[in-house]
Protein backbone atom coordinates (compact mmCIF):
# COMPACT_ATOMS: atom_id res chain seq x y z
CA MET A 1 -12.41 0.82 18.87
CA ARG A 2 -11.86 0.01 15.17
CA LYS A 3 -10.95 -2.91 13.94
CA VAL A 4 -7.27 -3.24 12.40
CA VAL A 5 -6.32 -5.94 9.91
CA LEU A 6 -2.70 -6.32 8.39
CA TYR A 7 -2.62 -7.62 4.54
CA ILE A 8 0.91 -7.87 3.71
CA ALA A 9 3.01 -10.24 1.19
CA MET A 10 6.09 -11.22 2.80
CA SER A 11 8.66 -13.59 1.20
CA LEU A 12 9.79 -16.36 3.49
CA ASP A 13 13.13 -14.93 4.64
CA GLY A 14 10.87 -12.03 5.53
CA TYR A 15 11.60 -9.38 3.03
CA ILE A 16 8.71 -7.59 1.37
CA ALA A 17 10.64 -6.12 -2.03
CA ASP A 18 13.82 -7.53 -3.75
CA VAL A 19 17.11 -5.80 -3.07
CA ASP A 20 16.25 -3.27 -5.79
CA GLY A 21 12.85 -2.44 -3.74
CA GLY A 22 10.99 -4.20 -6.70
CA VAL A 23 7.69 -6.21 -5.77
CA ALA A 24 7.38 -7.85 -9.24
CA TRP A 25 7.56 -11.09 -7.22
CA LEU A 26 4.17 -10.74 -5.66
CA ASP A 27 2.71 -12.03 -8.57
CA GLY A 28 2.17 -15.09 -6.40
CA ASP A 29 1.08 -18.72 -7.58
CA GLY A 30 -2.25 -17.34 -9.35
CA SER A 31 -4.40 -19.48 -6.98
CA ASP A 32 -6.68 -16.54 -6.28
CA THR A 33 -5.84 -13.21 -8.21
CA ASP A 34 -8.80 -11.48 -6.99
CA SER A 35 -8.32 -11.78 -3.27
CA PHE A 36 -6.69 -8.63 -2.85
CA SER A 37 -9.67 -6.51 -4.67
CA LYS A 38 -11.95 -8.22 -2.21
CA PHE A 39 -10.12 -7.71 0.62
CA ILE A 40 -9.80 -3.50 -0.02
CA LYS A 41 -13.41 -3.51 -0.26
CA THR A 42 -14.09 -4.52 2.91
CA ILE A 43 -11.87 -1.45 4.39
CA ASP A 44 -12.06 2.40 4.74
CA THR A 45 -8.50 3.71 5.94
CA VAL A 46 -4.83 2.33 4.72
CA ILE A 47 -1.62 2.93 6.37
CA LEU A 48 1.45 2.79 4.31
CA GLY A 49 5.17 3.99 4.76
CA TYR A 50 6.70 6.27 2.20
CA ARG A 51 8.63 3.64 0.23
CA THR A 52 5.32 2.39 -0.70
CA TYR A 53 3.49 5.40 -1.42
CA HIS A 54 6.48 6.52 -3.67
CA GLN A 55 6.48 3.58 -5.34
CA ILE A 56 2.95 3.44 -6.02
CA VAL A 57 2.35 7.01 -7.02
CA THR A 58 5.76 7.10 -9.42
CA GLU A 59 5.49 3.37 -10.72
CA LEU A 60 2.56 1.04 -10.12
CA SER A 61 0.11 3.55 -10.63
CA PRO A 62 0.83 7.15 -11.45
CA ASP A 63 -2.15 8.36 -13.13
CA ASP A 64 -4.28 7.21 -10.02
CA TRP A 65 -4.70 7.01 -6.83
CA VAL A 66 -5.03 3.43 -6.21
CA TYR A 67 -6.65 3.81 -2.86
CA HIS A 68 -9.56 6.28 -4.14
CA GLY A 69 -12.22 6.80 -1.92
CA LYS A 70 -10.17 5.34 1.40
CA LYS A 71 -8.53 7.59 3.80
CA SER A 72 -5.13 7.50 3.69
CA TYR A 73 -2.05 7.86 6.08
CA VAL A 74 1.38 8.06 4.61
CA ILE A 75 3.94 7.62 7.53
CA THR A 76 7.07 9.53 7.12
CA HIS A 77 9.06 12.14 8.05
CA ARG A 78 9.43 14.22 4.82
CA ASP A 79 7.54 17.49 5.18
CA ILE A 80 4.54 16.81 2.50
CA GLU A 81 1.09 18.36 2.45
CA SER A 82 -1.57 16.45 3.10
CA THR A 83 -4.62 16.32 0.33
CA ASP A 84 -8.27 15.23 1.41
CA GLU A 85 -7.68 11.56 0.88
CA ILE A 86 -3.74 11.23 1.97
CA ILE A 87 -2.56 12.39 5.65
CA PHE A 88 1.74 12.77 5.83
CA THR A 89 2.30 11.98 9.33
CA ASN A 90 4.88 11.39 11.13
C-alpha cells in the first residue's frame, strides 16, 4: 500500500481560495519559503481538482506544468483527454 500525504493550505475560516478564487494570500508569513519545494521532491503523484488544475495552467504557470515528472490526476466531470503525465478522471 502506498503512503498518502495531504499538503494543503487553508485559512482559519476553512477556505483554500478567496472569494474570487485567488490564492495570493498563500504567501504566508515568510518563515519557511522553501517548505513546498522540499516537500514536492519527496512525492511521485499529485491529485488535484479541476479548478486548481485550471488555475495552474491559465494563471500561475501557463507555460510549464509545475508537476513535470510526477504522475498527476485531475478529478473532473469534464471530458478532457489525458496525457502521459496528466490523467483526467471523475
